[in-house]
Amino acid sequence: PVEWLWTGRIAVGKLTLIAGDPGLGKSFLTLDLAARVSRGARWPDGAGEHREPGGAILLNAEDDAADTLVPRLIAAGADLSRLMVLDAVGAMGDHGSVRARTFDLSRDIDALDAAIARAENCRLVVIDPVTAYLGGVDSHKNGDIRGLLAPLSALAAKRGVAVVAVTHLNKSAGGPAIYRAMGSLAFAAAARAAWSVSRDRDDPARRLFLPI
């Protein structure tokens, strides 16, 4: 049986994709997920009663930790002691010096593994947006993306964590929603579940979390 972090929506040991246009609150949603994990709180549909609090690791390339991520997490009631923002990794430079560089999924899976090991009872890893952490990999090449995501999926299964990757939508209109995620179809194909954050056409202030 599949183990669920959020029953029917986000699976443990698997990759989940969340796609949507900019400005609809995808990052806000992932921070709410992390806050609920850190408190062991119920999910919005009432699932998850009596869950044990867990850790979460956040990779976010679009928002600053100090003035955006942390204030939003505090507002969401997060236990900050259980959350880790992984914004860079150390790389050996000239003459033995260490310099910081952006996390790269193509070569830093071991660093992510180490971060998960350090986070007590880590249950969630958020990568937002996933396209910012591809290194030199072409996001439109199926074979390259499958090769990149396979070690990430293996790490999720090994560590028993849910990995949530955020992406934008492409500009094509019409056709099945599964083809709307930016880049290769391999992103959606590799995911256990794929979700869309969309505007409610009948209520401009409302957002819908819909299965792709």
Protein backbone atom coordinates (compact mmCIF):
# COMPACT_ATOMS: atom_id res chain seq x y z
CA PRO A 1 0.00 0.00 0.00
CA VAL A 2 1.07 3.58 -0.70
CA GLU A 3 1.96 5.57 2.42
CA TRP A 4 0.49 9.07 2.34
CA LEU A 5 1.67 12.30 3.91
CA TRP A 6 -1.66 13.85 2.90
CA THR A 7 -4.07 11.03 2.07
CA GLY A 8 -4.88 10.81 -1.62
CA ARG A 9 -2.81 13.86 -2.46
CA ILE A 10 0.86 13.72 -1.41
CA ALA A 11 2.56 10.32 -1.10
CA VAL A 12 5.54 9.47 1.10
CA GLY A 13 8.59 8.23 -0.79
CA LYS A 14 7.31 9.71 -4.04
CA LEU A 15 7.51 12.86 -6.14
CA THR A 16 4.45 15.14 -6.29
CA LEU A 17 4.20 17.97 -8.84
CA ILE A 18 2.34 21.25 -8.27
CA ALA A 19 1.93 23.45 -11.37
CA GLY A 20 0.35 26.84 -11.91
CA ASP A 21 0.76 30.33 -13.32
CA PRO A 22 2.87 32.87 -11.41
CA GLY A 23 1.19 34.79 -8.62
CA LEU A 24 -1.48 32.22 -7.72
CA GLY A 25 0.03 31.18 -4.40
CA LYS A 26 1.90 27.94 -5.18
CA SER A 27 4.75 28.91 -2.86
CA PHE A 28 2.29 30.08 -0.23
CA LEU A 29 0.65 26.64 -0.45
CA THR A 30 3.93 24.77 0.01
CA LEU A 31 4.80 26.86 3.07
CA ASP A 32 1.42 25.99 4.55
CA LEU A 33 2.18 22.31 3.90
CA ALA A 34 5.55 22.64 5.65
CA ALA A 35 3.97 24.46 8.60
CA ARG A 36 1.36 21.72 9.05
CA VAL A 37 4.05 19.03 8.90
CA SER A 38 6.13 20.84 11.53
CA ARG A 39 3.17 20.98 13.94
CA GLY A 40 1.66 17.61 13.13
CA ALA A 41 -1.50 19.55 12.25
CA ARG A 42 -4.44 18.28 10.24
CA TRP A 43 -4.63 18.87 6.50
CA PRO A 44 -7.24 21.30 5.14
CA ASP A 45 -9.72 18.46 4.50
CA GLY A 46 -9.45 17.24 8.10
CA ALA A 47 -7.13 14.29 7.35
CA GLY A 48 -4.07 13.59 9.47
CA GLU A 49 -5.49 13.73 12.99
CA HIS A 50 -2.92 12.83 15.68
CA ARG A 51 0.03 13.03 13.26
CA GLU A 52 3.46 13.27 14.81
CA PRO A 53 5.25 16.58 14.08
CA GLY A 54 7.93 16.22 11.42
CA GLY A 55 10.73 18.09 9.73
CA ALA A 56 10.74 19.73 6.32
CA ILE A 57 13.43 21.02 3.98
CA LEU A 58 12.71 23.97 1.70
CA LEU A 59 14.53 24.86 -1.50
CA ASN A 60 13.04 28.11 -2.75
CA ALA A 61 14.76 30.08 -5.51
CA GLU A 62 12.18 32.87 -5.82
CA ASP A 63 11.68 34.19 -2.26
CA ASP A 64 14.16 35.44 0.33
CA ALA A 65 14.23 33.42 3.53
CA ALA A 66 14.53 36.39 5.92
CA ASP A 67 11.86 38.74 4.59
CA THR A 68 9.41 36.34 2.94
CA LEU A 69 9.72 32.64 3.79
CA VAL A 70 10.21 32.92 7.56
CA PRO A 71 7.49 35.57 8.12
CA ARG A 72 5.03 33.47 6.11
CA LEU A 73 5.95 30.35 8.06
CA ILE A 74 5.50 32.20 11.35
CA ALA A 75 2.10 33.45 10.19
CA ALA A 76 1.18 29.86 9.31
CA GLY A 77 2.08 28.76 12.83
CA ALA A 78 5.12 26.71 11.85
CA ASP A 79 7.55 25.24 14.35
CA LEU A 80 10.67 26.82 12.85
CA SER A 81 12.97 24.50 14.79
CA ARG A 82 11.80 21.66 12.54
CA LEU A 83 12.29 23.50 9.23
CA MET A 84 15.45 23.95 7.18
CA VAL A 85 16.00 26.28 4.21
CA LEU A 86 18.65 24.84 1.90
CA ASP A 87 19.68 27.81 -0.23
CA ALA A 88 23.26 26.86 -1.13
CA VAL A 89 25.88 24.14 -0.86
CA GLY A 90 29.57 24.42 -0.13
CA ALA A 91 31.97 23.78 -3.01
CA MET A 92 35.72 23.45 -2.79
CA GLY A 93 37.48 26.34 -4.49
CA ASP A 94 41.09 27.25 -5.16
CA HIS A 95 43.69 26.57 -2.46
CA GLY A 96 41.20 24.59 -0.34
CA SER A 97 38.77 27.46 0.12
CA VAL A 98 35.03 26.75 0.34
CA ARG A 99 32.55 28.83 -1.61
CA ALA A 100 28.78 28.71 -1.70
CA ARG A 101 26.90 27.89 -4.87
CA THR A 102 23.30 27.23 -5.82
CA PHE A 103 21.95 23.76 -5.11
CA ASP A 104 22.03 21.57 -8.24
CA LEU A 105 19.90 18.42 -8.55
CA SER A 106 22.32 16.97 -11.09
CA ARG A 107 25.20 16.79 -8.58
CA ASP A 108 23.98 17.60 -5.06
CA ILE A 109 21.67 14.69 -4.22
CA ASP A 110 24.18 13.62 -1.55
CA ALA A 111 23.96 17.07 0.05
CA LEU A 112 20.17 16.79 0.11
CA ASP A 113 20.47 13.31 1.60
CA ALA A 114 22.69 14.70 4.36
CA ALA A 115 20.22 17.53 5.06
CA ILE A 116 17.35 15.04 5.36
CA ALA A 117 19.43 12.99 7.78
CA ARG A 118 20.05 16.08 9.94
CA ALA A 119 16.37 17.09 10.07
CA GLU A 120 14.59 15.23 12.85
CA ASN A 121 11.81 13.00 11.48
CA CYS A 122 12.00 14.69 8.07
CA ARG A 123 8.75 14.12 6.16
CA LEU A 124 8.74 16.72 3.39
CA VAL A 125 11.11 18.26 0.84
CA VAL A 126 9.87 21.22 -1.24
CA ILE A 127 11.71 22.24 -4.44
CA ASP A 128 10.33 25.56 -5.70
CA PRO A 129 10.59 25.87 -8.65
CA VAL A 130 12.22 22.64 -9.74
CA THR A 131 13.46 24.24 -12.97
CA ALA A 132 15.76 26.54 -10.96
CA TYR A 133 17.78 23.57 -9.69
CA LEU A 134 18.47 21.64 -12.89
CA GLY A 135 22.07 22.80 -13.34
CA GLY A 136 22.96 22.45 -17.00
CA VAL A 137 20.21 19.93 -17.79
CA ASP A 138 17.79 20.90 -20.58
CA SER A 139 14.31 21.00 -19.03
CA HIS A 140 12.70 20.06 -22.38
CA LYS A 141 14.61 16.80 -22.97
CA ASN A 142 12.69 13.79 -21.65
CA GLY A 143 15.72 11.54 -21.29
CA ASP A 144 17.75 14.15 -19.43
CA ILE A 145 14.92 14.99 -17.03
CA ARG A 146 14.17 11.32 -16.33
CA GLY A 147 17.86 10.81 -15.54
CA LEU A 148 17.79 13.80 -13.20
CA LEU A 149 14.59 12.83 -11.37
CA ALA A 150 15.40 9.14 -10.92
CA PRO A 151 18.01 9.71 -8.15
CA LEU A 152 15.63 12.20 -6.47
CA SER A 153 12.80 9.65 -6.49
CA ALA A 154 15.19 6.99 -5.18
CA LEU A 155 16.23 9.30 -2.34
CA ALA A 156 12.57 9.99 -1.46
CA ALA A 157 11.91 6.25 -1.24
CA LYS A 158 15.10 5.57 0.73
CA ARG A 159 14.46 8.29 3.31
CA GLY A 160 10.66 7.96 3.45
CA VAL A 161 10.01 11.61 2.61
CA ALA A 162 7.49 13.26 0.32
CA VAL A 163 9.12 15.42 -2.35
CA VAL A 164 6.95 18.26 -3.69
CA ALA A 165 8.25 19.98 -6.82
CA VAL A 166 6.71 23.25 -8.00
CA THR A 167 6.66 24.35 -11.63
CA HIS A 168 4.99 26.94 -13.85
CA LEU A 169 2.63 26.32 -16.75
CA ASN A 170 3.66 26.67 -20.37
CA LYS A 171 1.86 29.01 -22.74
CA SER A 172 0.09 26.38 -24.84
CA ALA A 173 -3.71 26.44 -24.64
CA GLY A 174 -6.15 23.58 -24.93
CA GLY A 175 -5.41 19.87 -24.76
CA PRO A 176 -4.98 17.69 -21.66
CA ALA A 177 -3.81 19.51 -18.53
CA ILE A 178 -0.93 17.06 -18.09
CA TYR A 179 0.84 18.71 -21.04
CA ARG A 180 0.67 22.19 -19.49
CA ALA A 181 3.52 21.79 -16.98
CA MET A 182 6.57 23.76 -18.14
CA GLY A 183 9.39 21.75 -19.71
CA SER A 184 9.46 18.06 -20.45
CA LEU A 185 6.48 15.76 -19.96
CA ALA A 186 8.89 13.70 -17.85
CA PHE A 187 8.21 16.01 -14.86
CA ALA A 188 4.56 14.94 -14.73
CA ALA A 189 5.31 11.37 -15.81
CA ALA A 190 7.80 10.86 -12.96
CA ALA A 191 5.37 12.17 -10.34
CA ARG A 192 3.08 9.95 -8.26
CA ALA A 193 0.52 12.77 -8.41
CA ALA A 194 0.35 16.09 -10.26
CA TRP A 195 -1.78 19.03 -9.13
CA SER A 196 -2.73 22.41 -10.54
CA VAL A 197 -3.26 25.65 -8.65
CA SER A 198 -5.85 27.59 -10.66
CA ARG A 199 -8.07 30.62 -10.35
CA ASP A 200 -11.73 30.06 -9.64
CA ARG A 201 -13.49 31.71 -12.60
CA ASP A 202 -16.49 32.50 -10.38
CA ASP A 203 -14.49 34.00 -7.49
CA PRO A 204 -11.28 35.98 -8.28
CA ALA A 205 -10.12 35.68 -4.65
CA ARG A 206 -10.39 31.89 -4.59
CA ARG A 207 -7.83 29.30 -5.69
CA LEU A 208 -8.55 25.70 -6.69
CA PHE A 209 -6.21 22.78 -6.00
CA LEU A 210 -7.09 20.37 -8.80
CA PRO A 211 -5.72 16.99 -9.90
CA ILE A 212 -3.88 16.96 -13.24
